Amino acid sequence: MSQPRCVDDRITLKYGAGGGAMRALIEQIFAPGFGAVPGGVGLAEMDDGAAIPIGDRWLVITTDAHVVQPVTFPGGDIGRLAVCGTVNDLAMMGATEPLALTCAAILEDGFPRAELERIWASIRLACDEAGTTIVTGDTKVMRHGELDRIVLTTTGVGLTSRVVTDRGLAPGDVILVTGTMGDHGLAILATRTELALDTTLASDTAPINGLVRRALAAGGPGVVAMKDPTRGGLASALHEMADKSGVGIVLDERAVPIRDEARAIGELLGIDPLVVANEGKAVIGVRREVAGAVLEALRAHPLGRAAAIVGACVAERPGSVIVDTGFGRRLLVEAEGELQPRIC
């Protein structure tokens, strides 16, 4: 198991970046003193959302703040990102039919009306794709210079008859990803750094609740763990799943789908696509006997055509992720914090 980290006296960017530092902050500052949810999932579990029992079902709740820079990027914008990120967190808990979302907007004085209208049109389109809507929210405006343009905070609610957590793995289980890794973070980073590259790489931002619904239908109770590889990328998601489940994960590096453009940008910037954020993908742990059926269901969906089996769970080295390169093995180190702040 991983050793607990000590939170510094000053909170820096690394603590909002999705890696080990952020988990330590939540464990040591935010979570203590809040009771568990009897029969459900609460803050202490640090999953993609909370699950509260209601009769024979569970109400799933998740909330997220979005501070991406730049606000508009290849493949999306902060509005689409806000909807998809929240819908996908619900889906990771098994709630693939979101009842509704809330959205609070904090704007900087002087924010252009035309840009705000474009963002809200993007929000409406993403809601239509996900089969949900915004039902309430809040608006604040801060003085110029007190905020970097715009912050959106969304909350989502949904019902499910079965909660799937990120800690259900056991030795022998198989790990799948639903598509190519690193697209979102590397597309934003290429835009942010104004790299003069002839590339079509775009963010993968998309609502994947329909894709996950197919995986759950195909795998049934054999789908035992799910997580979306957002901040910290695939590396952070696997580390968290392995640590919580008490297993080691062997990752087949050659099987991980990565676009040539993402690989090239990563090599140019010295960043491994495995540690870069994704916003339209899932990591799914399944029992070995249903892996083929789940993979087939994923690949039959437009958002899952590049889905792949990328690893397996072992009893050795619990909490560790071991990369099999084809020539040898190495430990995959989880970043302390995100290499790219303000990514989602």
Protein backbone atom coordinates (compact mmCIF):
# COMPACT_ATOMS: atom_id res chain seq x y z
CA MET A 1 0.00 0.00 0.00
CA SER A 2 1.15 3.57 -0.62
CA GLN A 3 2.55 5.54 2.30
CA PRO A 4 0.52 8.54 3.49
CA ARG A 5 1.84 11.92 2.34
CA CYS A 6 2.14 14.95 4.58
CA VAL A 7 0.32 18.07 3.40
CA ASP A 8 2.53 21.16 3.30
CA ASP A 9 1.83 24.31 5.30
CA ARG A 10 0.98 26.18 2.07
CA ILE A 11 -1.46 24.79 -0.50
CA THR A 12 0.12 24.97 -3.96
CA LEU A 13 -1.03 24.06 -7.46
CA LYS A 14 -0.10 20.41 -7.04
CA TYR A 15 -2.90 19.93 -4.50
CA GLY A 16 -5.59 20.57 -7.10
CA ALA A 17 -4.11 18.37 -9.76
CA GLY A 18 -5.57 14.92 -9.21
CA GLY A 19 -2.42 13.09 -8.10
CA GLY A 20 -1.21 11.80 -4.76
CA ALA A 21 -0.92 15.29 -3.28
CA MET A 22 -4.58 16.05 -3.89
CA ARG A 23 -5.69 12.77 -2.34
CA ALA A 24 -3.58 13.57 0.74
CA LEU A 25 -5.24 16.99 1.02
CA ILE A 26 -8.72 15.44 0.90
CA GLU A 27 -7.81 12.69 3.37
CA GLN A 28 -6.19 15.01 5.90
CA ILE A 29 -8.23 18.23 5.60
CA PHE A 30 -11.58 17.80 3.83
CA ALA A 31 -12.77 14.30 4.73
CA PRO A 32 -12.15 13.97 8.51
CA GLY A 33 -15.22 14.51 10.64
CA PHE A 34 -17.75 13.62 7.99
CA GLY A 35 -19.59 10.40 8.71
CA ALA A 36 -19.89 7.45 6.39
CA VAL A 37 -23.04 6.85 4.37
CA PRO A 38 -24.63 3.68 5.83
CA GLY A 39 -24.93 1.15 3.03
CA GLY A 40 -23.56 3.64 0.51
CA VAL A 41 -20.49 5.61 -0.52
CA GLY A 42 -19.45 8.85 1.18
CA LEU A 43 -16.64 11.38 1.09
CA ALA A 44 -14.19 9.16 2.94
CA GLU A 45 -14.21 6.65 0.08
CA MET A 46 -12.95 9.38 -2.30
CA ASP A 47 -14.70 7.85 -5.29
CA ASP A 48 -16.06 9.71 -8.33
CA GLY A 49 -19.22 10.52 -6.40
CA ALA A 50 -21.37 9.64 -3.40
CA ALA A 51 -24.13 7.00 -3.30
CA ILE A 52 -27.02 7.26 -0.84
CA PRO A 53 -29.43 4.31 -0.45
CA ILE A 54 -33.05 5.13 -1.27
CA GLY A 55 -35.28 2.09 -1.03
CA ASP A 56 -33.81 -0.60 -3.28
CA ARG A 57 -31.80 1.93 -5.33
CA TRP A 58 -29.06 4.48 -4.77
CA LEU A 59 -29.04 8.21 -5.39
CA VAL A 60 -25.65 9.11 -6.87
CA ILE A 61 -24.36 12.66 -6.44
CA THR A 62 -21.20 14.26 -7.79
CA THR A 63 -19.89 17.82 -8.03
CA ASP A 64 -16.98 19.41 -9.86
CA ALA A 65 -15.45 22.85 -10.52
CA HIS A 66 -13.98 23.68 -13.93
CA VAL A 67 -11.13 26.14 -14.47
CA VAL A 68 -9.66 25.12 -17.82
CA GLN A 69 -7.29 27.45 -19.62
CA PRO A 70 -7.76 28.29 -22.45
CA VAL A 71 -11.56 28.44 -22.11
CA THR A 72 -12.00 27.20 -25.69
CA PHE A 73 -9.75 24.45 -27.03
CA PRO A 74 -9.66 21.99 -29.94
CA GLY A 75 -12.59 19.64 -29.44
CA GLY A 76 -14.53 21.62 -26.85
CA ASP A 77 -14.77 24.43 -24.34
CA ILE A 78 -15.33 24.92 -20.62
CA GLY A 79 -19.10 24.48 -21.01
CA ARG A 80 -18.92 21.12 -22.75
CA LEU A 81 -16.23 20.04 -20.31
CA ALA A 82 -18.38 20.94 -17.29
CA VAL A 83 -21.34 18.87 -18.47
CA CYS A 84 -19.31 15.88 -19.65
CA GLY A 85 -17.12 15.76 -16.57
CA THR A 86 -20.12 15.60 -14.26
CA VAL A 87 -22.13 13.15 -16.38
CA ASN A 88 -19.09 10.87 -16.64
CA ASP A 89 -18.48 10.91 -12.88
CA LEU A 90 -22.07 9.75 -12.36
CA ALA A 91 -21.57 7.01 -14.94
CA MET A 92 -18.43 5.78 -13.14
CA MET A 93 -20.64 5.02 -10.13
CA GLY A 94 -23.19 3.16 -12.27
CA ALA A 95 -25.67 6.03 -12.73
CA THR A 96 -25.72 6.20 -16.52
CA GLU A 97 -29.05 8.06 -16.82
CA PRO A 98 -28.47 11.44 -15.11
CA LEU A 99 -31.64 12.97 -13.71
CA ALA A 100 -30.38 16.56 -13.87
CA LEU A 101 -27.42 18.87 -13.38
CA THR A 102 -26.89 22.19 -11.65
CA CYS A 103 -24.46 24.82 -12.92
CA ALA A 104 -23.01 27.81 -11.07
CA ALA A 105 -21.08 30.42 -13.07
CA ILE A 106 -18.52 32.84 -11.63
CA LEU A 107 -17.55 35.49 -14.18
CA GLU A 108 -14.89 38.16 -14.30
CA ASP A 109 -16.08 41.73 -14.80
CA GLY A 110 -15.96 42.48 -18.52
CA PHE A 111 -16.48 38.91 -19.77
CA PRO A 112 -17.80 39.13 -23.37
CA ARG A 113 -21.50 38.37 -23.77
CA ALA A 114 -20.96 36.70 -27.15
CA GLU A 115 -18.43 34.26 -25.68
CA LEU A 116 -20.76 33.48 -22.77
CA GLU A 117 -23.57 32.72 -25.22
CA ARG A 118 -21.29 30.34 -27.16
CA ILE A 119 -20.37 28.52 -23.95
CA TRP A 120 -24.03 28.13 -22.97
CA ALA A 121 -24.90 26.84 -26.43
CA SER A 122 -22.17 24.24 -25.92
CA ILE A 123 -23.65 23.33 -22.53
CA ARG A 124 -27.08 22.81 -24.07
CA LEU A 125 -25.66 20.60 -26.83
CA ALA A 126 -23.68 18.47 -24.36
CA CYS A 127 -26.78 18.06 -22.19
CA ASP A 128 -28.74 16.89 -25.23
CA GLU A 129 -26.03 14.32 -26.02
CA ALA A 130 -26.06 13.04 -22.45
CA GLY A 131 -29.86 13.00 -22.15
CA THR A 132 -30.04 15.45 -19.27
CA THR A 133 -30.55 19.14 -18.55
CA ILE A 134 -29.60 22.00 -16.21
CA VAL A 135 -32.33 22.62 -13.64
CA THR A 136 -30.83 25.23 -11.30
CA GLY A 137 -27.66 27.22 -10.68
CA ASP A 138 -26.11 30.45 -9.46
CA THR A 139 -24.30 33.45 -10.93
CA LYS A 140 -21.58 35.64 -9.45
CA VAL A 141 -19.46 38.39 -11.02
CA MET A 142 -16.10 39.34 -9.55
CA ARG A 143 -14.02 42.44 -10.15
CA HIS A 144 -11.51 42.44 -12.99
CA GLY A 145 -8.32 40.69 -11.94
CA GLU A 146 -9.93 38.78 -9.04
CA LEU A 147 -10.74 35.82 -11.29
CA ASP A 148 -9.25 34.39 -14.47
CA ARG A 149 -12.25 34.93 -16.75
CA ILE A 150 -14.73 32.17 -15.82
CA VAL A 151 -15.27 29.28 -13.40
CA LEU A 152 -18.12 26.78 -13.76
CA THR A 153 -19.24 24.45 -10.98
CA THR A 154 -21.62 21.61 -11.81
CA THR A 155 -23.41 19.04 -9.70
CA GLY A 156 -25.16 15.97 -11.06
CA VAL A 157 -27.66 13.50 -9.63
CA GLY A 158 -28.78 10.12 -10.89
CA LEU A 159 -30.29 6.83 -9.74
CA THR A 160 -28.84 3.36 -10.09
CA SER A 161 -29.85 -0.12 -9.03
CA ARG A 162 -26.20 -1.09 -8.59
CA VAL A 163 -23.31 1.07 -7.41
CA VAL A 164 -19.92 0.39 -9.00
CA THR A 165 -16.97 1.72 -7.01
CA ASP A 166 -13.30 2.10 -7.90
CA ARG A 167 -12.15 -0.47 -5.33
CA GLY A 168 -13.68 -3.77 -6.43
CA LEU A 169 -10.64 -5.32 -8.14
CA ALA A 170 -9.25 -8.75 -7.25
CA PRO A 171 -6.29 -10.78 -8.54
CA GLY A 172 -7.10 -12.20 -11.97
CA ASP A 173 -9.35 -9.30 -13.01
CA VAL A 174 -8.79 -7.60 -16.37
CA ILE A 175 -8.35 -3.87 -16.99
CA LEU A 176 -9.89 -2.19 -20.05
CA VAL A 177 -9.75 1.37 -21.35
CA THR A 178 -12.49 2.70 -23.60
CA GLY A 179 -10.20 4.57 -26.01
CA THR A 180 -7.00 6.46 -26.68
CA MET A 181 -5.11 8.01 -23.77
CA GLY A 182 -3.84 11.58 -23.36
CA ASP A 183 -5.88 13.36 -26.04
CA HIS A 184 -7.46 16.04 -23.84
CA GLY A 185 -4.42 17.20 -21.90
CA LEU A 186 -2.01 17.13 -24.82
CA ALA A 187 -4.43 18.95 -27.14
CA ILE A 188 -4.84 21.71 -24.56
CA LEU A 189 -1.13 21.86 -23.86
CA ALA A 190 -0.30 22.13 -27.56
CA THR A 191 -2.78 25.00 -27.83
CA ARG A 192 -1.60 26.70 -24.65
CA THR A 193 2.05 26.62 -25.68
CA GLU A 194 1.15 27.64 -29.27
CA LEU A 195 3.18 24.80 -30.75
CA ALA A 196 3.55 25.19 -34.49
CA LEU A 197 2.44 21.65 -35.23
CA ASP A 198 0.47 20.33 -38.18
CA THR A 199 -1.82 18.17 -36.06
CA THR A 200 -5.51 17.35 -35.84
CA LEU A 201 -5.29 16.25 -32.20
CA ALA A 202 -8.38 17.39 -30.30
CA SER A 203 -9.75 16.89 -26.82
CA ASP A 204 -11.79 13.74 -26.28
CA THR A 205 -14.35 15.63 -24.16
CA ALA A 206 -17.62 13.70 -24.49
CA PRO A 207 -20.43 12.26 -22.34
CA ILE A 208 -19.75 8.54 -22.06
CA ASN A 209 -22.79 7.50 -20.03
CA GLY A 210 -24.26 5.67 -23.03
CA LEU A 211 -20.98 3.85 -23.62
CA VAL A 212 -20.73 2.81 -19.98
CA ARG A 213 -24.36 1.65 -20.03
CA ARG A 214 -23.45 -0.81 -22.79
CA ALA A 215 -20.45 -2.08 -20.84
CA LEU A 216 -22.57 -2.65 -17.74
CA ALA A 217 -25.24 -4.47 -19.76
CA ALA A 218 -22.63 -6.72 -21.37
CA GLY A 219 -20.65 -7.47 -18.21
CA GLY A 220 -23.36 -7.43 -15.54
CA PRO A 221 -21.96 -8.12 -12.08
CA GLY A 222 -18.64 -8.97 -13.76
CA VAL A 223 -17.96 -5.23 -14.06
CA VAL A 224 -16.36 -4.65 -10.67
CA ALA A 225 -14.60 -1.26 -10.77
CA MET A 226 -14.67 1.92 -12.86
CA LYS A 227 -12.84 5.23 -12.87
CA ASP A 228 -12.40 8.04 -15.37
CA PRO A 229 -8.73 8.91 -16.03
CA THR A 230 -9.03 12.69 -15.78
CA ARG A 231 -6.42 14.67 -13.84
CA GLY A 232 -3.33 12.52 -13.50
CA GLY A 233 -4.39 10.40 -16.46
CA LEU A 234 -4.34 6.63 -16.66
CA ALA A 235 -1.43 6.44 -14.22
CA SER A 236 -3.33 8.12 -11.37
CA ALA A 237 -6.53 6.17 -12.04
CA LEU A 238 -4.73 2.83 -11.94
CA HIS A 239 -2.74 3.73 -8.83
CA GLU A 240 -5.88 4.74 -6.98
CA MET A 241 -7.77 1.62 -8.06
CA ALA A 242 -4.86 -0.67 -7.16
CA ASP A 243 -4.27 0.96 -3.77
CA LYS A 244 -7.93 0.88 -2.73
CA SER A 245 -8.43 -2.69 -3.97
CA GLY A 246 -5.22 -4.07 -2.46
CA VAL A 247 -3.94 -5.51 -5.75
CA GLY A 248 -1.06 -4.91 -8.10
CA ILE A 249 -1.79 -4.00 -11.72
CA VAL A 250 0.39 -5.11 -14.61
CA LEU A 251 -0.09 -2.71 -17.53
CA ASP A 252 0.77 -3.93 -21.04
CA GLU A 253 2.34 -0.78 -22.50
CA ARG A 254 2.03 -2.03 -26.09
CA ALA A 255 -1.73 -2.55 -25.67
CA VAL A 256 -2.52 0.99 -24.45
CA PRO A 257 -4.13 2.90 -27.36
CA ILE A 258 -2.38 6.24 -27.96
CA ARG A 259 -2.81 8.38 -31.06
CA ASP A 260 0.32 9.06 -33.07
CA GLU A 261 -0.29 12.81 -32.68
CA ALA A 262 -0.54 12.51 -28.90
CA ARG A 263 2.60 10.41 -28.74
CA ALA A 264 4.49 12.93 -30.89
CA ILE A 265 3.39 15.94 -28.83
CA GLY A 266 4.20 14.08 -25.62
CA GLU A 267 7.68 13.24 -26.86
CA LEU A 268 8.26 16.84 -27.96
CA LEU A 269 7.25 18.19 -24.54
CA GLY A 270 8.76 15.35 -22.52
CA ILE A 271 5.38 14.28 -21.11
CA ASP A 272 4.17 10.68 -20.92
CA PRO A 273 0.59 10.37 -22.32
CA LEU A 274 -0.13 7.94 -19.48
CA VAL A 275 -0.08 10.81 -16.94
CA VAL A 276 -2.17 13.21 -19.04
CA ALA A 277 -5.86 13.99 -18.48
CA ASN A 278 -8.66 12.42 -20.53
CA GLU A 279 -12.25 13.73 -20.54
CA GLY A 280 -14.14 11.15 -22.56
CA LYS A 281 -12.68 7.83 -21.47
CA ALA A 282 -13.11 5.25 -18.71
CA VAL A 283 -10.96 2.63 -17.02
CA ILE A 284 -13.02 -0.48 -16.35
CA GLY A 285 -12.09 -3.49 -14.24
CA VAL A 286 -13.91 -6.73 -15.05
CA ARG A 287 -13.82 -10.40 -14.18
CA ARG A 288 -11.83 -12.26 -16.79
CA GLU A 289 -14.79 -14.31 -17.99
CA VAL A 290 -16.72 -11.23 -19.16
CA ALA A 291 -13.79 -9.26 -20.59
CA GLY A 292 -14.46 -10.32 -24.19
CA ALA A 293 -18.15 -9.43 -24.04
CA VAL A 294 -17.45 -6.02 -22.48
CA LEU A 295 -14.76 -5.24 -25.04
CA GLU A 296 -17.08 -6.17 -27.90
CA ALA A 297 -19.84 -3.97 -26.49
CA LEU A 298 -17.48 -1.02 -26.10
CA ARG A 299 -16.10 -1.31 -29.63
CA ALA A 300 -19.63 -1.39 -31.06
CA HIS A 301 -20.23 2.14 -29.71
CA PRO A 302 -18.90 5.19 -31.63
CA LEU A 303 -17.01 6.41 -28.55
CA GLY A 304 -15.46 3.01 -27.84
CA ARG A 305 -14.01 1.92 -31.17
CA ALA A 306 -10.43 2.10 -29.83
CA ALA A 307 -11.26 0.24 -26.60
CA ALA A 308 -8.63 -2.25 -25.51
CA ILE A 309 -7.67 -4.72 -22.80
CA VAL A 310 -4.54 -3.17 -21.31
CA GLY A 311 -3.72 -5.03 -18.13
CA ALA A 312 -4.48 -7.48 -15.38
CA CYS A 313 -4.60 -7.54 -11.59
CA VAL A 314 -2.15 -9.59 -9.54
CA ALA A 315 -1.73 -10.37 -5.87
CA GLU A 316 1.89 -9.22 -5.82
CA ARG A 317 2.96 -5.64 -4.98
CA PRO A 318 -0.47 -4.36 -3.86
CA GLY A 319 -0.99 -0.70 -4.67
CA SER A 320 1.64 -0.72 -7.41
CA VAL A 321 1.31 -0.39 -11.19
CA ILE A 322 3.92 -2.34 -13.15
CA VAL A 323 4.46 -1.53 -16.82
CA ASP A 324 5.33 -4.46 -19.07
CA THR A 325 7.21 -2.90 -22.00
CA GLY A 326 7.70 -6.14 -23.91
CA PHE A 327 11.40 -5.99 -23.11
CA GLY A 328 11.15 -5.81 -19.35
CA ARG A 329 9.14 -4.38 -16.51
CA ARG A 330 9.24 -1.07 -14.62
CA LEU A 331 7.15 0.63 -11.98
CA LEU A 332 4.80 3.31 -13.26
CA VAL A 333 5.29 6.25 -10.91
CA GLU A 334 2.25 8.38 -10.14
CA ALA A 335 2.85 12.11 -10.45
CA GLU A 336 2.65 14.04 -7.19
CA GLY A 337 0.61 16.65 -9.04
CA GLU A 338 -0.58 17.33 -12.56
CA LEU A 339 2.11 18.42 -15.02
CA GLN A 340 -0.41 20.81 -16.59
CA PRO A 341 -2.43 22.99 -14.19
CA ARG A 342 -5.84 24.38 -15.20
CA ILE A 343 -6.53 21.42 -17.47
CA CYS A 344 -10.16 20.79 -16.52
